[in-house]
Amino acid sequence: MHLAMSRANGADPSETFALKMIEHHRGGMAISEVLMQQNPDPELRQMAEKTMTMQRQEIAELEQWVAEHRSGAAAQAPGTGQPTG
């Protein structure tokens, strides 16, 4: 997770934050999946299931924001920060 987070860099601080958080949430899901495979404790399994559900939702929201952010940046005139057209 840490390596993926260190490699996640965007065009600006906001995009970088979103990309790093996506990797952070993916790491939380991976840890939860390991627990689900290896731990029979019902209380921990319930927490892991909840974590995976929440992480999936947050990843989807962040990915949507990144897609919208990138498409908005593409609609700006290069170097001006102003919309084209």
PDB file of N, CA and C in Angstrom:
ATOM      1  N   MET A   1       0.834  -1.188   0.000  1.00  0.00           N
ATOM      2  CA  MET A   1       0.000   0.000   0.000  1.00  0.00           C
ATOM      3  C   MET A   1       0.874   1.244   0.000  1.00  0.00           C
ATOM      4  N   HIS A   2       1.929   1.238   0.809  1.00  0.00           N
ATOM      5  CA  HIS A   2       2.755   2.443   0.911  1.00  0.00           C
ATOM      6  C   HIS A   2       3.461   2.763  -0.405  1.00  0.00           C
ATOM      7  N   LEU A   3       3.934   1.734  -1.095  1.00  0.00           N
ATOM      8  CA  LEU A   3       4.582   1.944  -2.379  1.00  0.00           C
ATOM      9  C   LEU A   3       3.591   2.501  -3.397  1.00  0.00           C
ATOM     10  N   ALA A   4       2.403   1.936  -3.445  1.00  0.00           N
ATOM     11  CA  ALA A   4       1.378   2.419  -4.375  1.00  0.00           C
ATOM     12  C   ALA A   4       1.001   3.865  -4.055  1.00  0.00           C
ATOM     13  N   MET A   5       0.906   4.181  -2.764  1.00  0.00           N
ATOM     14  CA  MET A   5       0.578   5.557  -2.380  1.00  0.00           C
ATOM     15  C   MET A   5       1.694   6.516  -2.783  1.00  0.00           C
ATOM     16  N   SER A   6       2.946   6.098  -2.617  1.00  0.00           N
ATOM     17  CA  SER A   6       4.056   6.989  -2.960  1.00  0.00           C
ATOM     18  C   SER A   6       4.124   7.248  -4.462  1.00  0.00           C
ATOM     19  N   ARG A   7       3.643   6.310  -5.257  1.00  0.00           N
ATOM     20  CA  ARG A   7       3.676   6.462  -6.715  1.00  0.00           C
ATOM     21  C   ARG A   7       2.458   7.201  -7.262  1.00  0.00           C
ATOM     22  N   ALA A   8       1.452   7.394  -6.449  1.00  0.00           N
ATOM     23  CA  ALA A   8       0.211   8.037  -6.908  1.00  0.00           C
ATOM     24  C   ALA A   8       0.372   9.555  -6.837  1.00  0.00           C
ATOM     25  N   ASN A   9       0.585  10.156  -7.988  1.00  0.00           N
ATOM     26  CA  ASN A   9       0.763  11.603  -8.063  1.00  0.00           C
ATOM     27  C   ASN A   9      -0.122  12.169  -9.159  1.00  0.00           C
ATOM     28  N   GLY A  10      -0.776  13.268  -8.847  1.00  0.00           N
ATOM     29  CA  GLY A  10      -1.659  13.899  -9.809  1.00  0.00           C
ATOM     30  C   GLY A  10      -1.079  15.186 -10.346  1.00  0.00           C
ATOM     31  N   ALA A  11      -1.894  15.882 -11.116  1.00  0.00           N
ATOM     32  CA  ALA A  11      -1.488  17.126 -11.753  1.00  0.00           C
ATOM     33  C   ALA A  11      -1.448  18.289 -10.769  1.00  0.00           C
ATOM     34  N   ASP A  12      -2.120  18.134  -9.633  1.00  0.00           N
ATOM     35  CA  ASP A  12      -2.153  19.193  -8.623  1.00  0.00           C
ATOM     36  C   ASP A  12      -2.377  18.540  -7.259  1.00  0.00           C
ATOM     37  N   PRO A  13      -2.276  19.301  -6.175  1.00  0.00           N
ATOM     38  CA  PRO A  13      -2.425  18.697  -4.838  1.00  0.00           C
ATOM     39  C   PRO A  13      -3.760  17.988  -4.619  1.00  0.00           C
ATOM     40  N   SER A  14      -4.834  18.507  -5.162  1.00  0.00           N
ATOM     41  CA  SER A  14      -6.146  17.884  -4.979  1.00  0.00           C
ATOM     42  C   SER A  14      -6.198  16.517  -5.646  1.00  0.00           C
ATOM     43  N   GLU A  15      -5.724  16.460  -6.869  1.00  0.00           N
ATOM     44  CA  GLU A  15      -5.723  15.183  -7.587  1.00  0.00           C
ATOM     45  C   GLU A  15      -4.763  14.198  -6.917  1.00  0.00           C
ATOM     46  N   THR A  16      -3.625  14.685  -6.465  1.00  0.00           N
ATOM     47  CA  THR A  16      -2.675  13.818  -5.773  1.00  0.00           C
ATOM     48  C   THR A  16      -3.307  13.230  -4.520  1.00  0.00           C
ATOM     49  N   PHE A  17      -4.003  14.046  -3.750  1.00  0.00           N
ATOM     50  CA  PHE A  17      -4.696  13.564  -2.555  1.00  0.00           C
ATOM     51  C   PHE A  17      -5.665  12.449  -2.924  1.00  0.00           C
ATOM     52  N   ALA A  18      -6.489  12.685  -3.941  1.00  0.00           N
ATOM     53  CA  ALA A  18      -7.495  11.693  -4.340  1.00  0.00           C
ATOM     54  C   ALA A  18      -6.835  10.394  -4.771  1.00  0.00           C
ATOM     55  N   LEU A  19      -5.777  10.473  -5.560  1.00  0.00           N
ATOM     56  CA  LEU A  19      -5.104   9.264  -6.045  1.00  0.00           C
ATOM     57  C   LEU A  19      -4.439   8.497  -4.906  1.00  0.00           C
ATOM     58  N   LYS A  20      -3.833   9.210  -3.977  1.00  0.00           N
ATOM     59  CA  LYS A  20      -3.205   8.550  -2.825  1.00  0.00           C
ATOM     60  C   LYS A  20      -4.268   7.910  -1.924  1.00  0.00           C
ATOM     61  N   MET A  21      -5.403   8.558  -1.751  1.00  0.00           N
ATOM     62  CA  MET A  21      -6.468   7.986  -0.925  1.00  0.00           C
ATOM     63  C   MET A  21      -7.062   6.739  -1.578  1.00  0.00           C
ATOM     64  N   ILE A  22      -7.149   6.730  -2.902  1.00  0.00           N
ATOM     65  CA  ILE A  22      -7.625   5.530  -3.592  1.00  0.00           C
ATOM     66  C   ILE A  22      -6.715   4.359  -3.244  1.00  0.00           C
ATOM     67  N   GLU A  23      -5.414   4.571  -3.309  1.00  0.00           N
ATOM     68  CA  GLU A  23      -4.473   3.501  -2.980  1.00  0.00           C
ATOM     69  C   GLU A  23      -4.560   3.119  -1.503  1.00  0.00           C
ATOM     70  N   HIS A  24      -4.758   4.082  -0.645  1.00  0.00           N
ATOM     71  CA  HIS A  24      -4.922   3.811   0.789  1.00  0.00           C
ATOM     72  C   HIS A  24      -6.137   2.914   1.020  1.00  0.00           C
ATOM     73  N   HIS A  25      -7.246   3.237   0.385  1.00  0.00           N
ATOM     74  CA  HIS A  25      -8.467   2.445   0.538  1.00  0.00           C
ATOM     75  C   HIS A  25      -8.306   1.051  -0.067  1.00  0.00           C
ATOM     76  N   ARG A  26      -7.588   0.953  -1.179  1.00  0.00           N
ATOM     77  CA  ARG A  26      -7.309  -0.368  -1.755  1.00  0.00           C
ATOM     78  C   ARG A  26      -6.505  -1.217  -0.773  1.00  0.00           C
ATOM     79  N   GLY A  27      -5.575  -0.593  -0.063  1.00  0.00           N
ATOM     80  CA  GLY A  27      -4.811  -1.309   0.951  1.00  0.00           C
ATOM     81  C   GLY A  27      -5.694  -1.802   2.081  1.00  0.00           C
ATOM     82  N   GLY A  28      -6.649  -0.974   2.507  1.00  0.00           N
ATOM     83  CA  GLY A  28      -7.598  -1.391   3.539  1.00  0.00           C
ATOM     84  C   GLY A  28      -8.433  -2.576   3.092  1.00  0.00           C
ATOM     85  N   MET A  29      -8.811  -2.575   1.826  1.00  0.00           N
ATOM     86  CA  MET A  29      -9.574  -3.707   1.303  1.00  0.00           C
ATOM     87  C   MET A  29      -8.721  -4.965   1.271  1.00  0.00           C
ATOM     88  N   ALA A  30      -7.464  -4.825   0.869  1.00  0.00           N
ATOM     89  CA  ALA A  30      -6.580  -5.993   0.794  1.00  0.00           C
ATOM     90  C   ALA A  30      -6.374  -6.606   2.175  1.00  0.00           C
ATOM     91  N   ILE A  31      -6.168  -5.764   3.179  1.00  0.00           N
ATOM     92  CA  ILE A  31      -5.987  -6.261   4.545  1.00  0.00           C
ATOM     93  C   ILE A  31      -7.262  -6.957   5.017  1.00  0.00           C
ATOM     94  N   SER A  32      -8.403  -6.376   4.705  1.00  0.00           N
ATOM     95  CA  SER A  32      -9.679  -6.980   5.100  1.00  0.00           C
ATOM     96  C   SER A  32      -9.894  -8.318   4.424  1.00  0.00           C
ATOM     97  N   GLU A  33      -9.503  -8.420   3.162  1.00  0.00           N
ATOM     98  CA  GLU A  33      -9.653  -9.692   2.442  1.00  0.00           C
ATOM     99  C   GLU A  33      -8.793 -10.780   3.072  1.00  0.00           C
ATOM    100  N   VAL A  34      -7.577 -10.428   3.490  1.00  0.00           N
ATOM    101  CA  VAL A  34      -6.709 -11.402   4.169  1.00  0.00           C
ATOM    102  C   VAL A  34      -7.375 -11.867   5.459  1.00  0.00           C
ATOM    103  N   LEU A  35      -7.912 -10.921   6.211  1.00  0.00           N
ATOM    104  CA  LEU A  35      -8.581 -11.294   7.458  1.00  0.00           C
ATOM    105  C   LEU A  35      -9.751 -12.227   7.181  1.00  0.00           C
ATOM    106  N   MET A  36     -10.531 -11.941   6.148  1.00  0.00           N
ATOM    107  CA  MET A  36     -11.685 -12.775   5.825  1.00  0.00           C
ATOM    108  C   MET A  36     -11.251 -14.203   5.489  1.00  0.00           C
ATOM    109  N   GLN A  37     -10.089 -14.360   4.892  1.00  0.00           N
ATOM    110  CA  GLN A  37      -9.603 -15.686   4.513  1.00  0.00           C
ATOM    111  C   GLN A  37      -8.993 -16.444   5.690  1.00  0.00           C
ATOM    112  N   GLN A  38      -8.441 -15.705   6.659  1.00  0.00           N
ATOM    113  CA  GLN A  38      -7.633 -16.360   7.674  1.00  0.00           C
ATOM    114  C   GLN A  38      -8.171 -16.275   9.101  1.00  0.00           C
ATOM    115  N   ASN A  39      -9.197 -15.506   9.349  1.00  0.00           N
ATOM    116  CA  ASN A  39      -9.636 -15.307  10.722  1.00  0.00           C
ATOM    117  C   ASN A  39     -11.096 -15.726  10.882  1.00  0.00           C
ATOM    118  N   PRO A  40     -11.374 -16.661  11.756  1.00  0.00           N
ATOM    119  CA  PRO A  40     -12.753 -17.123  11.947  1.00  0.00           C
ATOM    120  C   PRO A  40     -13.559 -16.252  12.926  1.00  0.00           C
ATOM    121  N   ASP A  41     -12.930 -15.278  13.580  1.00  0.00           N
ATOM    122  CA  ASP A  41     -13.634 -14.475  14.584  1.00  0.00           C
ATOM    123  C   ASP A  41     -14.783 -13.709  13.934  1.00  0.00           C
ATOM    124  N   PRO A  42     -16.020 -13.981  14.342  1.00  0.00           N
ATOM    125  CA  PRO A  42     -17.176 -13.357  13.677  1.00  0.00           C
ATOM    126  C   PRO A  42     -17.216 -11.833  13.825  1.00  0.00           C
ATOM    127  N   GLU A  43     -16.797 -11.321  14.949  1.00  0.00           N
ATOM    128  CA  GLU A  43     -16.829  -9.870  15.150  1.00  0.00           C
ATOM    129  C   GLU A  43     -15.838  -9.171  14.214  1.00  0.00           C
ATOM    130  N   LEU A  44     -14.630  -9.715  14.111  1.00  0.00           N
ATOM    131  CA  LEU A  44     -13.646  -9.133  13.197  1.00  0.00           C
ATOM    132  C   LEU A  44     -14.069  -9.292  11.743  1.00  0.00           C
ATOM    133  N   ARG A  45     -14.665 -10.411  11.402  1.00  0.00           N
ATOM    134  CA  ARG A  45     -15.140 -10.622  10.036  1.00  0.00           C
ATOM    135  C   ARG A  45     -16.217  -9.596   9.679  1.00  0.00           C
ATOM    136  N   GLN A  46     -17.095  -9.317  10.634  1.00  0.00           N
ATOM    137  CA  GLN A  46     -18.136  -8.315  10.398  1.00  0.00           C
ATOM    138  C   GLN A  46     -17.504  -6.938  10.171  1.00  0.00           C
ATOM    139  N   MET A  47     -16.489  -6.604  10.971  1.00  0.00           N
ATOM    140  CA  MET A  47     -15.801  -5.320  10.785  1.00  0.00           C
ATOM    141  C   MET A  47     -15.104  -5.263   9.423  1.00  0.00           C
ATOM    142  N   ALA A  48     -14.490  -6.373   9.033  1.00  0.00           N
ATOM    143  CA  ALA A  48     -13.799  -6.414   7.743  1.00  0.00           C
ATOM    144  C   ALA A  48     -14.787  -6.259   6.588  1.00  0.00           C
ATOM    145  N   GLU A  49     -15.942  -6.899   6.685  1.00  0.00           N
ATOM    146  CA  GLU A  49     -16.963  -6.754   5.644  1.00  0.00           C
ATOM    147  C   GLU A  49     -17.436  -5.306   5.542  1.00  0.00           C
ATOM    148  N   LYS A  50     -17.643  -4.686   6.690  1.00  0.00           N
ATOM    149  CA  LYS A  50     -18.068  -3.280   6.707  1.00  0.00           C
ATOM    150  C   LYS A  50     -16.981  -2.400   6.099  1.00  0.00           C
ATOM    151  N   THR A  51     -15.735  -2.663   6.459  1.00  0.00           N
ATOM    152  CA  THR A  51     -14.620  -1.892   5.923  1.00  0.00           C
ATOM    153  C   THR A  51     -14.550  -2.019   4.412  1.00  0.00           C
ATOM    154  N   MET A  52     -14.681  -3.237   3.900  1.00  0.00           N
ATOM    155  CA  MET A  52     -14.606  -3.445   2.460  1.00  0.00           C
ATOM    156  C   MET A  52     -15.734  -2.711   1.733  1.00  0.00           C
ATOM    157  N   THR A  53     -16.922  -2.740   2.298  1.00  0.00           N
ATOM    158  CA  THR A  53     -18.056  -2.031   1.690  1.00  0.00           C
ATOM    159  C   THR A  53     -17.786  -0.526   1.644  1.00  0.00           C
ATOM    160  N   MET A  54     -17.341   0.015   2.755  1.00  0.00           N
ATOM    161  CA  MET A  54     -17.072   1.454   2.832  1.00  0.00           C
ATOM    162  C   MET A  54     -15.919   1.856   1.910  1.00  0.00           C
ATOM    163  N   GLN A  55     -14.875   1.033   1.873  1.00  0.00           N
ATOM    164  CA  GLN A  55     -13.714   1.348   1.044  1.00  0.00           C
ATOM    165  C   GLN A  55     -14.091   1.336  -0.433  1.00  0.00           C
ATOM    166  N   ARG A  56     -14.885   0.351  -0.850  1.00  0.00           N
ATOM    167  CA  ARG A  56     -15.341   0.302  -2.252  1.00  0.00           C
ATOM    168  C   ARG A  56     -16.094   1.577  -2.624  1.00  0.00           C
ATOM    169  N   GLN A  57     -16.974   2.012  -1.741  1.00  0.00           N
ATOM    170  CA  GLN A  57     -17.764   3.218  -2.003  1.00  0.00           C
ATOM    171  C   GLN A  57     -16.853   4.444  -2.102  1.00  0.00           C
ATOM    172  N   GLU A  58     -15.914   4.561  -1.190  1.00  0.00           N
ATOM    173  CA  GLU A  58     -15.026   5.723  -1.209  1.00  0.00           C
ATOM    174  C   GLU A  58     -14.112   5.698  -2.431  1.00  0.00           C
ATOM    175  N   ILE A  59     -13.642   4.528  -2.826  1.00  0.00           N
ATOM    176  CA  ILE A  59     -12.831   4.425  -4.047  1.00  0.00           C
ATOM    177  C   ILE A  59     -13.651   4.896  -5.243  1.00  0.00           C
ATOM    178  N   ALA A  60     -14.889   4.440  -5.353  1.00  0.00           N
ATOM    179  CA  ALA A  60     -15.749   4.836  -6.474  1.00  0.00           C
ATOM    180  C   ALA A  60     -15.955   6.351  -6.495  1.00  0.00           C
ATOM    181  N   GLU A  61     -16.191   6.940  -5.341  1.00  0.00           N
ATOM    182  CA  GLU A  61     -16.392   8.395  -5.265  1.00  0.00           C
ATOM    183  C   GLU A  61     -15.128   9.145  -5.668  1.00  0.00           C
ATOM    184  N   LEU A  62     -13.985   8.689  -5.179  1.00  0.00           N
ATOM    185  CA  LEU A  62     -12.718   9.346  -5.520  1.00  0.00           C
ATOM    186  C   LEU A  62     -12.390   9.173  -6.999  1.00  0.00           C
ATOM    187  N   GLU A  63     -12.614   7.980  -7.538  1.00  0.00           N
ATOM    188  CA  GLU A  63     -12.368   7.766  -8.966  1.00  0.00           C
ATOM    189  C   GLU A  63     -13.267   8.650  -9.822  1.00  0.00           C
ATOM    190  N   GLN A  64     -14.508   8.826  -9.396  1.00  0.00           N
ATOM    191  CA  GLN A  64     -15.416   9.701 -10.133  1.00  0.00           C
ATOM    192  C   GLN A  64     -14.913  11.139 -10.080  1.00  0.00           C
ATOM    193  N   TRP A  65     -14.463  11.576  -8.902  1.00  0.00           N
ATOM    194  CA  TRP A  65     -13.942  12.941  -8.765  1.00  0.00           C
ATOM    195  C   TRP A  65     -12.732  13.127  -9.677  1.00  0.00           C
ATOM    196  N   VAL A  66     -11.824  12.157  -9.689  1.00  0.00           N
ATOM    197  CA  VAL A  66     -10.625  12.261 -10.527  1.00  0.00           C
ATOM    198  C   VAL A  66     -11.025  12.359 -11.991  1.00  0.00           C
ATOM    199  N   ALA A  67     -11.952  11.529 -12.429  1.00  0.00           N
ATOM    200  CA  ALA A  67     -12.388  11.556 -13.828  1.00  0.00           C
ATOM    201  C   ALA A  67     -12.985  12.923 -14.185  1.00  0.00           C
ATOM    202  N   GLU A  68     -13.803  13.457 -13.305  1.00  0.00           N
ATOM    203  CA  GLU A  68     -14.412  14.774 -13.553  1.00  0.00           C
ATOM    204  C   GLU A  68     -13.364  15.876 -13.509  1.00  0.00           C
ATOM    205  N   HIS A  69     -12.441  15.776 -12.571  1.00  0.00           N
ATOM    206  CA  HIS A  69     -11.378  16.769 -12.430  1.00  0.00           C
ATOM    207  C   HIS A  69     -10.505  16.787 -13.683  1.00  0.00           C
ATOM    208  N   ARG A  70     -10.154  15.599 -14.169  1.00  0.00           N
ATOM    209  CA  ARG A  70      -9.307  15.514 -15.360  1.00  0.00           C
ATOM    210  C   ARG A  70     -10.040  16.012 -16.597  1.00  0.00           C
ATOM    211  N   SER A  71     -11.325  15.691 -16.723  1.00  0.00           N
ATOM    212  CA  SER A  71     -12.063  16.150 -17.903  1.00  0.00           C
ATOM    213  C   SER A  71     -12.253  17.657 -17.848  1.00  0.00           C
ATOM    214  N   GLY A  72     -12.407  18.212 -16.659  1.00  0.00           N
ATOM    215  CA  GLY A  72     -12.506  19.667 -16.512  1.00  0.00           C
ATOM    216  C   GLY A  72     -11.207  20.353 -16.860  1.00  0.00           C
ATOM    217  N   ALA A  73     -10.082  19.747 -16.473  1.00  0.00           N
ATOM    218  CA  ALA A  73      -8.776  20.313 -16.788  1.00  0.00           C
ATOM    219  C   ALA A  73      -8.526  20.265 -18.285  1.00  0.00           C
ATOM    220  N   ALA A  74      -9.001  19.212 -18.953  1.00  0.00           N
ATOM    221  CA  ALA A  74      -8.800  19.085 -20.392  1.00  0.00           C
ATOM    222  C   ALA A  74      -9.612  20.132 -21.154  1.00  0.00           C
ATOM    223  N   ALA A  75     -10.684  20.622 -20.560  1.00  0.00           N
ATOM    224  CA  ALA A  75     -11.537  21.607 -21.226  1.00  0.00           C
ATOM    225  C   ALA A  75     -10.978  23.018 -21.090  1.00  0.00           C
ATOM    226  N   GLN A  76      -9.888  23.186 -20.322  1.00  0.00           N
ATOM    227  CA  GLN A  76      -9.293  24.500 -20.155  1.00  0.00           C
ATOM    228  C   GLN A  76      -8.234  24.745 -21.225  1.00  0.00           C
ATOM    229  N   ALA A  77      -8.080  26.004 -21.601  1.00  0.00           N
ATOM    230  CA  ALA A  77      -7.025  26.361 -22.551  1.00  0.00           C
ATOM    231  C   ALA A  77      -5.675  26.103 -21.893  1.00  0.00           C
ATOM    232  N   PRO A  78      -4.752  25.496 -22.611  1.00  0.00           N
ATOM    233  CA  PRO A  78      -3.445  25.147 -22.024  1.00  0.00           C
ATOM    234  C   PRO A  78      -2.759  26.369 -21.418  1.00  0.00           C
ATOM    235  N   GLY A  79      -2.327  26.220 -20.176  1.00  0.00           N
ATOM    236  CA  GLY A  79      -1.558  27.247 -19.497  1.00  0.00           C
ATOM    237  C   GLY A  79      -2.349  28.427 -18.969  1.00  0.00           C
ATOM    238  N   THR A  80      -3.667  28.458 -19.190  1.00  0.00           N
ATOM    239  CA  THR A  80      -4.431  29.625 -18.748  1.00  0.00           C
ATOM    240  C   THR A  80      -5.302  29.353 -17.548  1.00  0.00           C
ATOM    241  N   GLY A  81      -5.649  28.102 -17.342  1.00  0.00           N
ATOM    242  CA  GLY A  81      -6.589  27.785 -16.274  1.00  0.00           C
ATOM    243  C   GLY A  81      -7.997  28.250 -16.577  1.00  0.00           C
ATOM    244  N   GLN A  82      -8.202  28.698 -17.830  1.00  0.00           N
ATOM    245  CA  GLN A  82      -9.513  29.204 -18.233  1.00  0.00           C
ATOM    246  C   GLN A  82     -10.162  28.232 -19.215  1.00  0.00           C
ATOM    247  N   PRO A  83     -11.482  28.131 -19.152  1.00  0.00           N
ATOM    248  CA  PRO A  83     -12.177  27.253 -20.098  1.00  0.00           C
ATOM    249  C   PRO A  83     -11.956  27.713 -21.538  1.00  0.00           C
ATOM    250  N   THR A  84     -11.934  26.730 -22.432  1.00  0.00           N
ATOM    251  CA  THR A  84     -11.846  27.066 -23.856  1.00  0.00           C
ATOM    252  C   THR A  84     -13.233  27.348 -24.388  1.00  0.00           C
ATOM    253  N   GLY A  85     -13.288  28.076 -25.468  1.00  0.00           N
ATOM    254  CA  GLY A  85     -14.556  28.271 -26.149  1.00  0.00           C
ATOM    255  C   GLY A  85     -15.302  29.400 -25.714  1.00  0.00           C
TER     256      GLY A  85
END
